[in-house]
């Protein structure tokens, strides 16, 4: 009996960073906005503040103290989030451009404004 194996996808080129404001565009959390806490590049996922909360049952131990049910953020795939432009305040696609000094910056494709200062 042959087992079907889920193939692991290679890491994408994720252009999102920690502390970016993003909007969820698909799934049960659709329409919510949150700040990126962590980018997990190996699995193409991000952790968002107060979004996709999951419950974990923990047992008491000397390090954690009292056990119980702990809520924490679960990862969301990067294809389900979109960066929010600080100027036009909407979830937009963005491109890469260069400043006069040759530094790479992200540019909002709607209002053509710089996203990172």
N, C-alpha and C. Protein backbone atom coordinates (compact mmCIF):
# COMPACT_ATOMS: atom_id res chain seq x y z
N UNK A 1 0.83 -1.17 0.00
CA UNK A 1 0.00 0.00 0.00
C UNK A 1 0.89 1.25 0.00
N UNK A 2 0.75 2.05 -1.04
CA UNK A 2 1.58 3.25 -1.16
C UNK A 2 0.97 4.41 -0.38
N UNK A 3 1.81 5.13 0.32
CA UNK A 3 1.35 6.29 1.07
C UNK A 3 1.53 7.54 0.23
N UNK A 4 0.53 8.39 0.27
CA UNK A 4 0.69 9.66 -0.43
C UNK A 4 1.39 10.63 0.52
N UNK A 5 2.36 11.32 -0.01
CA UNK A 5 3.16 12.22 0.79
C UNK A 5 2.90 13.65 0.35
N UNK A 6 2.72 14.52 1.31
CA UNK A 6 2.52 15.92 0.99
C UNK A 6 3.89 16.53 0.70
N UNK A 7 4.06 17.05 -0.50
CA UNK A 7 5.34 17.63 -0.89
C UNK A 7 5.50 18.99 -0.24
N UNK A 8 6.67 19.23 0.31
CA UNK A 8 6.96 20.51 0.94
C UNK A 8 7.33 21.51 -0.14
N UNK A 9 6.67 22.68 -0.09
CA UNK A 9 6.95 23.70 -1.09
C UNK A 9 8.21 24.45 -0.72
N UNK A 10 8.99 24.86 -1.73
CA UNK A 10 10.20 25.64 -1.43
C UNK A 10 9.81 27.02 -0.89
N UNK A 11 10.67 27.62 -0.08
CA UNK A 11 10.35 28.94 0.48
C UNK A 11 10.18 29.99 -0.62
N UNK A 12 9.17 30.84 -0.45
CA UNK A 12 8.91 31.93 -1.38
C UNK A 12 9.79 33.12 -1.02
N UNK A 13 9.86 34.08 -1.92
CA UNK A 13 10.57 35.32 -1.62
C UNK A 13 9.57 36.23 -0.93
N UNK A 14 9.58 36.23 0.39
CA UNK A 14 8.62 37.00 1.18
C UNK A 14 9.17 38.40 1.38
N UNK A 15 8.42 39.40 0.92
CA UNK A 15 8.87 40.78 1.04
C UNK A 15 8.19 41.51 2.20
N UNK A 16 7.49 40.75 3.04
CA UNK A 16 6.87 41.33 4.23
C UNK A 16 7.87 41.29 5.38
N UNK A 17 7.76 42.25 6.28
CA UNK A 17 8.69 42.32 7.41
C UNK A 17 7.93 42.37 8.73
N UNK A 18 8.66 42.17 9.81
CA UNK A 18 8.09 42.29 11.15
C UNK A 18 7.59 43.73 11.33
N UNK A 19 6.47 43.89 12.03
CA UNK A 19 5.82 45.18 12.33
C UNK A 19 5.09 45.80 11.13
N UNK A 20 5.01 45.13 9.99
CA UNK A 20 4.19 45.60 8.87
C UNK A 20 2.73 45.42 9.23
N UNK A 21 1.88 46.34 8.79
CA UNK A 21 0.44 46.21 8.98
C UNK A 21 -0.13 45.52 7.74
N UNK A 22 -0.81 44.39 7.95
CA UNK A 22 -1.37 43.63 6.84
C UNK A 22 -2.84 43.34 7.08
N UNK A 23 -3.56 43.04 5.98
CA UNK A 23 -4.97 42.66 6.06
C UNK A 23 -5.11 41.24 5.56
N UNK A 24 -5.94 40.45 6.24
CA UNK A 24 -6.19 39.07 5.83
C UNK A 24 -7.23 39.11 4.71
N UNK A 25 -6.91 38.47 3.56
CA UNK A 25 -7.80 38.55 2.40
C UNK A 25 -8.56 37.26 2.14
N UNK A 26 -8.27 36.20 2.90
CA UNK A 26 -8.97 34.92 2.70
C UNK A 26 -9.03 34.16 4.01
N UNK A 27 -10.04 33.29 4.12
CA UNK A 27 -10.17 32.43 5.30
C UNK A 27 -11.14 32.98 6.32
N UNK A 28 -11.17 32.35 7.49
CA UNK A 28 -12.14 32.71 8.52
C UNK A 28 -11.85 34.08 9.14
N UNK A 29 -10.66 34.57 9.03
CA UNK A 29 -10.28 35.87 9.59
C UNK A 29 -10.29 36.97 8.54
N UNK A 30 -10.95 36.75 7.42
CA UNK A 30 -10.96 37.68 6.29
C UNK A 30 -11.46 39.06 6.70
N UNK A 31 -10.73 40.10 6.24
CA UNK A 31 -11.11 41.48 6.53
C UNK A 31 -10.44 42.08 7.75
N UNK A 32 -9.82 41.26 8.59
CA UNK A 32 -9.18 41.77 9.80
C UNK A 32 -7.77 42.25 9.47
N UNK A 33 -7.32 43.27 10.18
CA UNK A 33 -5.96 43.78 10.00
C UNK A 33 -5.16 43.55 11.28
N UNK A 34 -3.88 43.35 11.10
CA UNK A 34 -3.01 43.13 12.26
C UNK A 34 -1.56 43.34 11.90
N UNK A 35 -0.75 43.46 12.95
CA UNK A 35 0.68 43.68 12.79
C UNK A 35 1.41 42.34 12.76
N UNK A 36 2.42 42.23 11.92
CA UNK A 36 3.19 41.00 11.83
C UNK A 36 4.12 40.89 13.04
N UNK A 37 4.00 39.76 13.76
CA UNK A 37 4.86 39.51 14.91
C UNK A 37 6.12 38.76 14.50
N UNK A 38 5.96 37.86 13.52
CA UNK A 38 7.08 37.01 13.10
C UNK A 38 6.86 36.50 11.68
N UNK A 39 7.91 36.42 10.89
CA UNK A 39 7.85 35.85 9.54
C UNK A 39 8.56 34.51 9.58
N UNK A 40 7.84 33.44 9.21
CA UNK A 40 8.42 32.09 9.21
C UNK A 40 8.71 31.74 7.75
N UNK A 41 9.93 31.99 7.30
CA UNK A 41 10.29 31.87 5.89
C UNK A 41 10.33 30.42 5.40
N UNK A 42 10.66 29.47 6.28
CA UNK A 42 10.77 28.06 5.87
C UNK A 42 9.43 27.50 5.42
N UNK A 43 8.34 27.92 6.07
CA UNK A 43 7.02 27.39 5.74
C UNK A 43 6.12 28.43 5.07
N UNK A 44 6.66 29.57 4.65
CA UNK A 44 5.93 30.64 3.95
C UNK A 44 4.74 31.16 4.76
N UNK A 45 4.92 31.35 6.06
CA UNK A 45 3.82 31.79 6.91
C UNK A 45 4.23 33.00 7.75
N UNK A 46 3.21 33.70 8.27
CA UNK A 46 3.43 34.83 9.15
C UNK A 46 2.55 34.69 10.39
N UNK A 47 3.00 35.25 11.51
CA UNK A 47 2.21 35.31 12.74
C UNK A 47 1.70 36.74 12.87
N UNK A 48 0.37 36.89 13.03
CA UNK A 48 -0.23 38.21 13.15
C UNK A 48 -0.76 38.42 14.55
N UNK A 49 -0.67 39.65 15.03
CA UNK A 49 -1.10 40.00 16.38
C UNK A 49 -2.62 39.90 16.50
N UNK A 50 -3.11 39.10 17.47
CA UNK A 50 -4.53 38.93 17.79
C UNK A 50 -5.37 38.37 16.63
N UNK A 51 -4.74 37.66 15.69
CA UNK A 51 -5.47 37.06 14.56
C UNK A 51 -5.13 35.58 14.48
N UNK A 52 -6.12 34.76 14.14
CA UNK A 52 -6.00 33.31 14.05
C UNK A 52 -5.58 32.71 15.40
N UNK A 53 -6.31 33.09 16.45
CA UNK A 53 -5.99 32.60 17.79
C UNK A 53 -6.36 31.13 17.92
N UNK A 54 -5.44 30.35 18.49
CA UNK A 54 -5.68 28.93 18.73
C UNK A 54 -5.54 28.68 20.23
N UNK A 55 -6.19 27.63 20.72
CA UNK A 55 -6.13 27.31 22.15
C UNK A 55 -5.24 26.10 22.36
N UNK A 56 -4.35 26.20 23.33
CA UNK A 56 -3.45 25.11 23.68
C UNK A 56 -3.68 24.76 25.14
N UNK A 57 -3.82 23.49 25.42
CA UNK A 57 -3.97 23.03 26.80
C UNK A 57 -2.59 22.71 27.34
N UNK A 58 -2.19 23.38 28.41
CA UNK A 58 -0.86 23.17 28.99
C UNK A 58 -1.00 22.54 30.36
N UNK A 59 -0.04 21.69 30.69
CA UNK A 59 -0.06 21.07 32.02
C UNK A 59 0.88 21.86 32.92
N UNK A 60 0.62 21.83 34.22
CA UNK A 60 1.47 22.59 35.15
C UNK A 60 2.92 22.09 35.14
N UNK A 61 3.85 23.01 35.19
CA UNK A 61 5.27 22.66 35.28
C UNK A 61 5.97 23.77 36.06
N UNK A 62 7.18 23.53 36.52
CA UNK A 62 7.89 24.57 37.28
C UNK A 62 8.14 25.85 36.47
N UNK A 63 8.32 25.72 35.15
CA UNK A 63 8.61 26.90 34.33
C UNK A 63 7.34 27.70 34.01
N UNK A 64 6.23 27.00 33.69
CA UNK A 64 5.01 27.71 33.31
C UNK A 64 4.11 28.00 34.49
N UNK A 65 4.34 27.34 35.61
CA UNK A 65 3.49 27.55 36.77
C UNK A 65 2.18 26.78 36.62
N UNK A 66 1.06 27.48 36.78
CA UNK A 66 -0.23 26.83 36.70
C UNK A 66 -0.56 26.48 35.25
N UNK A 67 -1.11 25.30 35.04
CA UNK A 67 -1.53 24.90 33.70
C UNK A 67 -2.87 25.50 33.35
N UNK A 68 -3.41 25.13 32.22
CA UNK A 68 -4.71 25.62 31.81
C UNK A 68 -4.78 25.78 30.31
N UNK A 69 -5.76 26.54 29.85
CA UNK A 69 -5.94 26.77 28.42
C UNK A 69 -5.30 28.11 28.06
N UNK A 70 -4.35 28.08 27.13
CA UNK A 70 -3.62 29.28 26.71
C UNK A 70 -4.00 29.60 25.27
N UNK A 71 -4.34 30.86 25.01
CA UNK A 71 -4.62 31.29 23.64
C UNK A 71 -3.37 31.93 23.06
N UNK A 72 -3.02 31.51 21.84
CA UNK A 72 -1.88 32.13 21.18
C UNK A 72 -2.16 32.21 19.69
N UNK A 73 -1.36 33.01 18.99
CA UNK A 73 -1.56 33.22 17.56
C UNK A 73 -1.06 32.02 16.77
N UNK A 74 -1.83 31.63 15.76
CA UNK A 74 -1.42 30.58 14.84
C UNK A 74 -0.92 31.20 13.55
N UNK A 75 -0.06 30.50 12.81
CA UNK A 75 0.48 31.07 11.57
C UNK A 75 -0.55 31.09 10.44
N UNK A 76 -0.40 32.06 9.54
CA UNK A 76 -1.24 32.21 8.35
C UNK A 76 -0.31 32.24 7.14
N UNK A 77 -0.70 31.58 6.05
CA UNK A 77 0.11 31.56 4.84
C UNK A 77 0.20 32.97 4.25
N UNK A 78 1.37 33.31 3.69
CA UNK A 78 1.59 34.67 3.19
C UNK A 78 0.69 35.02 2.01
N UNK A 79 0.18 34.02 1.29
CA UNK A 79 -0.69 34.31 0.16
C UNK A 79 -2.06 34.80 0.63
N UNK A 80 -2.37 34.66 1.91
CA UNK A 80 -3.67 35.08 2.44
C UNK A 80 -3.64 36.46 3.09
N UNK A 81 -2.49 37.14 3.02
CA UNK A 81 -2.40 38.49 3.59
C UNK A 81 -1.91 39.48 2.53
N UNK A 82 -2.33 40.74 2.72
CA UNK A 82 -1.93 41.81 1.81
C UNK A 82 -1.46 42.99 2.64
N UNK A 83 -0.40 43.63 2.22
CA UNK A 83 0.17 44.77 2.93
C UNK A 83 -0.77 45.97 2.86
N UNK A 84 -0.91 46.69 3.98
CA UNK A 84 -1.74 47.89 4.02
C UNK A 84 -0.84 49.10 3.83
N UNK A 85 -1.15 49.91 2.82
CA UNK A 85 -0.37 51.13 2.53
C UNK A 85 -0.67 52.17 3.60
N UNK A 86 0.37 52.79 4.21
CA UNK A 86 0.11 53.78 5.26
C UNK A 86 -0.54 55.06 4.72
N UNK A 87 -0.34 55.39 3.43
CA UNK A 87 -0.90 56.64 2.90
C UNK A 87 -2.35 56.47 2.47
N UNK A 88 -2.63 55.46 1.62
CA UNK A 88 -4.02 55.30 1.14
C UNK A 88 -4.85 54.41 2.06
N UNK A 89 -4.25 53.82 3.10
CA UNK A 89 -4.92 53.03 4.14
C UNK A 89 -5.77 51.90 3.59
N UNK A 90 -5.35 51.28 2.49
CA UNK A 90 -6.04 50.12 1.94
C UNK A 90 -5.04 49.01 1.70
N UNK A 91 -5.54 47.77 1.63
CA UNK A 91 -4.67 46.64 1.33
C UNK A 91 -4.33 46.69 -0.15
N UNK A 92 -3.06 46.78 -0.46
CA UNK A 92 -2.64 46.95 -1.85
C UNK A 92 -1.50 46.01 -2.19
N UNK A 93 -1.31 45.86 -3.48
CA UNK A 93 -0.11 45.18 -3.95
C UNK A 93 1.01 46.20 -3.93
N UNK A 94 2.24 45.71 -3.88
CA UNK A 94 3.36 46.64 -3.86
C UNK A 94 4.48 46.13 -4.74
N UNK A 95 5.29 47.05 -5.21
CA UNK A 95 6.42 46.70 -6.06
C UNK A 95 7.70 47.18 -5.41
N UNK A 96 8.81 46.82 -6.02
CA UNK A 96 10.11 47.26 -5.52
C UNK A 96 10.66 48.34 -6.42
N UNK A 97 11.26 49.35 -5.81
CA UNK A 97 11.89 50.43 -6.55
C UNK A 97 13.20 50.78 -5.88
N UNK A 98 13.88 51.78 -6.42
CA UNK A 98 15.14 52.20 -5.83
C UNK A 98 15.11 53.69 -5.56
N UNK A 99 15.76 54.10 -4.47
CA UNK A 99 15.89 55.51 -4.15
C UNK A 99 17.09 56.07 -4.91
N UNK A 100 17.35 57.33 -4.70
CA UNK A 100 18.49 57.97 -5.36
C UNK A 100 19.83 57.39 -4.94
N UNK A 101 19.92 56.88 -3.69
CA UNK A 101 21.17 56.29 -3.20
C UNK A 101 21.32 54.83 -3.61
N UNK A 102 20.34 54.27 -4.32
CA UNK A 102 20.41 52.88 -4.76
C UNK A 102 19.87 51.89 -3.75
N UNK A 103 19.14 52.38 -2.74
CA UNK A 103 18.56 51.51 -1.72
C UNK A 103 17.21 50.98 -2.22
N UNK A 104 16.95 49.67 -2.01
CA UNK A 104 15.67 49.08 -2.43
C UNK A 104 14.57 49.48 -1.46
N UNK A 105 13.43 49.91 -2.01
CA UNK A 105 12.28 50.29 -1.20
C UNK A 105 11.02 49.68 -1.79
N UNK A 106 9.99 49.56 -0.97
CA UNK A 106 8.70 49.05 -1.43
C UNK A 106 7.80 50.23 -1.79
N UNK A 107 7.09 50.11 -2.92
CA UNK A 107 6.25 51.19 -3.42
C UNK A 107 4.83 50.67 -3.60
N UNK A 108 3.83 51.43 -3.09
CA UNK A 108 2.43 51.07 -3.26
C UNK A 108 2.06 51.23 -4.72
N UNK A 109 1.40 50.23 -5.31
CA UNK A 109 1.06 50.30 -6.72
C UNK A 109 -0.21 51.10 -6.98
N UNK A 110 -0.97 51.46 -5.91
CA UNK A 110 -2.16 52.28 -6.10
C UNK A 110 -1.82 53.76 -6.10
N UNK A 111 -1.12 54.21 -5.03
CA UNK A 111 -0.84 55.66 -4.90
C UNK A 111 0.59 56.03 -5.24
N UNK A 112 1.42 55.06 -5.61
CA UNK A 112 2.82 55.27 -6.00
C UNK A 112 3.66 55.95 -4.90
N UNK A 113 3.27 55.71 -3.64
CA UNK A 113 3.97 56.28 -2.50
C UNK A 113 4.91 55.24 -1.88
N UNK A 114 5.99 55.71 -1.24
CA UNK A 114 6.94 54.80 -0.58
C UNK A 114 6.27 54.20 0.66
N UNK A 115 6.48 52.89 0.85
CA UNK A 115 5.93 52.22 2.03
C UNK A 115 6.93 52.26 3.18
N UNK A 116 8.20 51.95 2.90
CA UNK A 116 9.21 52.09 3.96
C UNK A 116 9.91 53.43 3.76
N UNK A 117 10.06 54.15 4.88
CA UNK A 117 10.65 55.47 4.86
C UNK A 117 12.04 55.44 4.40
